[in-house]
C-alpha atoms as a PDB file:
ATOM      1  CA  MET A   1      32.431  36.039  60.261  1.00  0.00           C
ATOM      2  CA  ASN A   2      36.058  35.883  61.195  1.00  0.00           C
ATOM      3  CA  PRO A   3      37.300  39.105  62.852  1.00  0.00           C
ATOM      4  CA  ALA A   4      40.495  38.985  60.784  1.00  0.00           C
ATOM      5  CA  TYR A   5      38.461  39.176  57.575  1.00  0.00           C
ATOM      6  CA  LEU A   6      36.399  42.003  58.967  1.00  0.00           C
ATOM      7  CA  SER A   7      39.454  44.110  59.831  1.00  0.00           C
ATOM      8  CA  ALA A   8      41.069  43.330  56.439  1.00  0.00           C
ATOM      9  CA  PHE A   9      37.858  44.288  54.639  1.00  0.00           C
ATOM     10  CA  ALA A  10      37.626  47.528  56.644  1.00  0.00           C
ATOM     11  CA  ALA A  11      41.236  48.378  55.783  1.00  0.00           C
ATOM     12  CA  LEU A  12      40.603  47.717  52.064  1.00  0.00           C
ATOM     13  CA  ALA A  13      37.405  49.763  52.118  1.00  0.00           C
ATOM     14  CA  GLY A  14      39.208  52.634  53.839  1.00  0.00           C
ATOM     15  CA  SER A  15      42.021  52.548  51.291  1.00  0.00           C
ATOM     16  CA  LEU A  16      39.529  52.426  48.426  1.00  0.00           C
ATOM     17  CA  ILE A  17      37.537  55.388  49.780  1.00  0.00           C
ATOM     18  CA  GLY A  18      40.737  57.362  50.443  1.00  0.00           C
ATOM     19  CA  GLY A  19      42.028  56.641  46.946  1.00  0.00           C
ATOM     20  CA  LEU A  20      38.732  57.596  45.283  1.00  0.00           C
ATOM     21  CA  THR A  21      38.577  60.804  47.323  1.00  0.00           C
ATOM     22  CA  THR A  22      42.102  61.739  46.249  1.00  0.00           C
ATOM     23  CA  ILE A  23      41.316  61.015  42.599  1.00  0.00           C
ATOM     24  CA  LEU A  24      38.096  63.032  42.779  1.00  0.00           C
ATOM     25  CA  ALA A  25      39.809  65.977  44.491  1.00  0.00           C
ATOM     26  CA  THR A  26      42.618  65.957  41.906  1.00  0.00           C
ATOM     27  CA  TRP A  27      40.126  65.821  39.037  1.00  0.00           C
ATOM     28  CA  LEU A  28      38.066  68.687  40.489  1.00  0.00           C
ATOM     29  CA  ALA A  29      41.170  70.825  41.011  1.00  0.00           C
ATOM     30  CA  HIS A  30      42.364  70.128  37.468  1.00  0.00           C
ATOM     31  CA  HIS A  31      38.909  70.891  36.056  1.00  0.00           C
ATOM     32  CA  ALA A  32      38.728  74.209  37.945  1.00  0.00           C
ATOM     33  CA  GLN A  33      42.254  75.136  36.864  1.00  0.00           C
ATOM     34  CA  SER A  34      41.483  74.246  33.248  1.00  0.00           C
ATOM     35  CA  ARG A  35      38.313  76.335  33.306  1.00  0.00           C
ATOM     36  CA  ALA A  36      40.134  79.323  34.818  1.00  0.00           C
ATOM     37  CA  GLN A  37      42.838  79.024  32.168  1.00  0.00           C
ATOM     38  CA  HIS A  38      40.192  78.871  29.423  1.00  0.00           C
ATOM     39  CA  VAL A  39      38.477  82.005  30.767  1.00  0.00           C
ATOM     40  CA  ALA A  40      41.806  83.852  31.011  1.00  0.00           C
ATOM     41  CA  GLN A  41      42.719  82.828  27.473  1.00  0.00           C
ATOM     42  CA  GLY A  42      39.326  84.049  26.203  1.00  0.00           C
ATOM     43  CA  LEU A  43      39.799  87.393  27.929  1.00  0.00           C
ATOM     44  CA  SER A  44      43.265  87.755  26.485  1.00  0.00           C
ATOM     45  CA  MET A  45      42.007  86.932  23.006  1.00  0.00           C
ATOM     46  CA  ARG A  46      39.207  89.516  23.299  1.00  0.00           C
ATOM     47  CA  GLN A  47      41.594  92.180  24.585  1.00  0.00           C
ATOM     48  CA  GLU A  48      43.935  91.608  21.646  1.00  0.00           C
ATOM     49  CA  LEU A  49      41.045  91.714  19.163  1.00  0.00           C
ATOM     50  CA  TYR A  50      39.641  94.931  20.656  1.00  0.00           C
ATOM     51  CA  LYS A  51      43.111  96.483  20.683  1.00  0.00           C
ATOM     52  CA  ASN A  52      43.664  95.613  17.017  1.00  0.00           C
ATOM     53  CA  PHE A  53      40.266  97.009  16.040  1.00  0.00           C
ATOM     54  CA  THR A  54      40.830 100.213  18.005  1.00  0.00           C
ATOM     55  CA  GLU A  55      44.242 100.797  16.451  1.00  0.00           C
ATOM     56  CA  GLU A  56      43.056 100.065  12.898  1.00  0.00           C
ATOM     57  CA  ALA A  57      39.865 102.126  13.213  1.00  0.00           C
ATOM     58  CA  SER A  58      41.790 105.056  14.710  1.00  0.00           C
ATOM     59  CA  ARG A  59      44.354 104.940  11.938  1.00  0.00           C
ATOM     60  CA  LEU A  60      41.683 104.840   9.224  1.00  0.00           C
ATOM     61  CA  TYR A  61      39.624 107.578  10.880  1.00  0.00           C
ATOM     62  CA  ALA A  62      42.648 109.873  10.944  1.00  0.00           C
ATOM     63  CA  ASP A  63      43.440 108.926   7.348  1.00  0.00           C
ATOM     64  CA  ALA A  64      39.869 109.791   6.346  1.00  0.00           C
ATOM     65  CA  PHE A  65      40.379 113.366   7.566  1.00  0.00           C
ATOM     66  CA  GLU A  66      43.252 113.841   5.143  1.00  0.00           C
ATOM     67  CA  ARG A  67      42.233 111.756   2.147  1.00  0.00           C
ATOM     68  CA  ASP A  68      39.058 111.012   0.266  1.00  0.00           C
ATOM     69  CA  ASN A  69      40.058 107.755  -1.392  1.00  0.00           C
ATOM     70  CA  PRO A  70      40.589 104.930   1.099  1.00  0.00           C
ATOM     71  CA  ASN A  71      42.681 101.851   0.589  1.00  0.00           C
ATOM     72  CA  ILE A  72      39.925  99.264   0.172  1.00  0.00           C
ATOM     73  CA  SER A  73      42.033  96.457   1.619  1.00  0.00           C
ATOM     74  CA  ASP A  74      42.363  98.454   4.854  1.00  0.00           C
ATOM     75  CA  LEU A  75      38.576  98.739   5.100  1.00  0.00           C
ATOM     76  CA  VAL A  76      38.230  95.021   4.419  1.00  0.00           C
ATOM     77  CA  ASN A  77      40.693  94.342   7.257  1.00  0.00           C
ATOM     78  CA  LEU A  78      38.549  96.479   9.542  1.00  0.00           C
ATOM     79  CA  TYR A  79      35.453  94.501   8.533  1.00  0.00           C
ATOM     80  CA  ALA A  80      37.372  91.275   9.157  1.00  0.00           C
ATOM     81  CA  LEU A  81      38.042  92.386  12.729  1.00  0.00           C
ATOM     82  CA  VAL A  82      34.336  93.106  13.185  1.00  0.00           C
ATOM     83  CA  SER A  83      33.527  89.649  11.831  1.00  0.00           C
ATOM     84  CA  ARG A  84      35.879  88.076  14.366  1.00  0.00           C
ATOM     85  CA  MET A  85      34.084  90.043  17.083  1.00  0.00           C
ATOM     86  CA  ARG A  86      30.747  88.596  15.934  1.00  0.00           C
ATOM     87  CA  VAL A  87      31.980  85.204  17.120  1.00  0.00           C
ATOM     88  CA  LEU A  88      33.252  86.338  20.527  1.00  0.00           C
ATOM     89  CA  SER A  89      31.523  89.538  21.587  1.00  0.00           C
ATOM     90  CA  SER A  90      28.198  90.841  22.768  1.00  0.00           C
ATOM     91  CA  SER A  91      25.737  92.492  20.416  1.00  0.00           C
ATOM     92  CA  LYS A  92      26.429  95.877  22.039  1.00  0.00           C
ATOM     93  CA  ILE A  93      30.086  95.697  21.035  1.00  0.00           C
ATOM     94  CA  ILE A  94      29.274  94.538  17.513  1.00  0.00           C
ATOM     95  CA  GLU A  95      26.747  97.338  17.002  1.00  0.00           C
ATOM     96  CA  SER A  96      29.275  99.864  18.235  1.00  0.00           C
ATOM     97  CA  ALA A  97      32.008  98.468  15.978  1.00  0.00           C
ATOM     98  CA  ASP A  98      29.651  98.569  12.974  1.00  0.00           C
ATOM     99  CA  ALA A  99      28.855 102.199  13.750  1.00  0.00           C
ATOM    100  CA  ILE A 100      32.572 103.010  13.821  1.00  0.00           C
ATOM    101  CA  VAL A 101      33.130 101.405  10.419  1.00  0.00           C
ATOM    102  CA  ARG A 102      30.199 103.360   8.978  1.00  0.00           C
ATOM    103  CA  ARG A 103      31.618 106.523  10.557  1.00  0.00           C
ATOM    104  CA  VAL A 104      35.035 105.921   8.997  1.00  0.00           C
ATOM    105  CA  ILE A 105      33.470 105.408   5.568  1.00  0.00           C
ATOM    106  CA  ALA A 106      31.300 108.516   5.967  1.00  0.00           C
ATOM    107  CA  THR A 107      34.387 110.532   6.933  1.00  0.00           C
ATOM    108  CA  TYR A 108      36.148 109.417   3.761  1.00  0.00           C
ATOM    109  CA  LEU A 109      33.153 110.705   1.781  1.00  0.00           C
ATOM    110  CA  GLU A 110      33.280 114.124   3.454  1.00  0.00           C
ATOM    111  CA  PRO A 111      35.636 116.894   2.311  1.00  0.00           C
ATOM    112  CA  ASN A 112      39.178 116.633   3.650  1.00  0.00           C
ATOM    113  CA  LYS A 113      39.854 118.377   6.935  1.00  0.00           C
ATOM    114  CA  THR A 114      42.585 120.808   7.821  1.00  0.00           C
ATOM    115  CA  PHE A 115      44.146 121.517  11.172  1.00  0.00           C
ATOM    116  CA  ARG A 116      41.876 124.579  11.468  1.00  0.00           C
ATOM    117  CA  ASP A 117      38.820 122.309  11.121  1.00  0.00           C
ATOM    118  CA  LEU A 118      39.998 120.376  14.151  1.00  0.00           C
ATOM    119  CA  LYS A 119      38.562 122.975  16.549  1.00  0.00           C
ATOM    120  CA  ASP A 120      35.024 122.466  15.208  1.00  0.00           C
ATOM    121  CA  ILE A 121      35.418 118.704  15.276  1.00  0.00           C
ATOM    122  CA  VAL A 122      36.545 118.719  18.903  1.00  0.00           C
ATOM    123  CA  GLU A 123      33.772 121.124  19.941  1.00  0.00           C
ATOM    124  CA  ARG A 124      31.118 118.929  18.315  1.00  0.00           C
ATOM    125  CA  ASP A 125      32.585 115.989  20.243  1.00  0.00           C
ATOM    126  CA  THR A 126      32.994 113.938  17.074  1.00  0.00           C
ATOM    127  CA  MET A 127      36.719 113.455  17.479  1.00  0.00           C
ATOM    128  CA  ASP A 128      36.385 110.236  19.484  1.00  0.00           C
ATOM    129  CA  PRO A 129      34.129 107.822  17.609  1.00  0.00           C
ATOM    130  CA  LEU A 130      35.608 104.948  19.622  1.00  0.00           C
ATOM    131  CA  ARG A 131      34.322 106.103  23.021  1.00  0.00           C
ATOM    132  CA  GLU A 132      31.150 104.004  23.011  1.00  0.00           C
ATOM    133  CA  PHE A 133      33.039 100.973  21.697  1.00  0.00           C
ATOM    134  CA  SER A 134      35.733 101.322  24.364  1.00  0.00           C
ATOM    135  CA  ASN A 135      33.161 101.638  27.131  1.00  0.00           C
ATOM    136  CA  ALA A 136      31.272  98.557  25.898  1.00  0.00           C
ATOM    137  CA  CYS A 137      34.512  96.555  25.743  1.00  0.00           C
ATOM    138  CA  ARG A 138      35.505  97.593  29.255  1.00  0.00           C
ATOM    139  CA  GLU A 139      32.075  96.609  30.621  1.00  0.00           C
ATOM    140  CA  GLU A 140      32.168  93.224  28.917  1.00  0.00           C
ATOM    141  CA  LEU A 141      35.683  92.430  30.083  1.00  0.00           C
ATOM    142  CA  GLN A 142      34.851  93.462  33.652  1.00  0.00           C
ATOM    143  CA  GLU A 143      31.730  91.262  33.650  1.00  0.00           C
ATOM    144  CA  ARG A 144      33.688  88.271  32.368  1.00  0.00           C
ATOM    145  CA  ARG A 145      36.400  88.704  34.989  1.00  0.00           C
ATOM    146  CA  LEU A 146      33.775  88.528  37.727  1.00  0.00           C
ATOM    147  CA  LEU A 147      32.354  85.231  36.478  1.00  0.00           C
END
């Protein structure tokens, strides 16, 4: 074999290997960046959903202390948030959210509360029905950030 062909073939093979390596490295970097962006977007979406649920459940829970006839559309909105969580969240979060909705409904069915009743409510530690939900959300978000 002619040495000129051998050196030309070696140069072509080197260029081909270098080009393929660059393409592969670029693809891997893009894939990793895309995956990281997808994870960050999922976390952001969960945080927004949990925030909306917390705000709506808190508002309805406070309303239930003062009134005994809820606005049904508000309760349906709360259930809609729980349904969105069923798609994205762990079973622990969904169970906790369901318990909060049941608690809000039960509070509407109880007699209205006055400011004087607040002392008993705080002492029985029933003032914060969202504690378990908040803790479950924090745990899930921390686990997902570590992945």
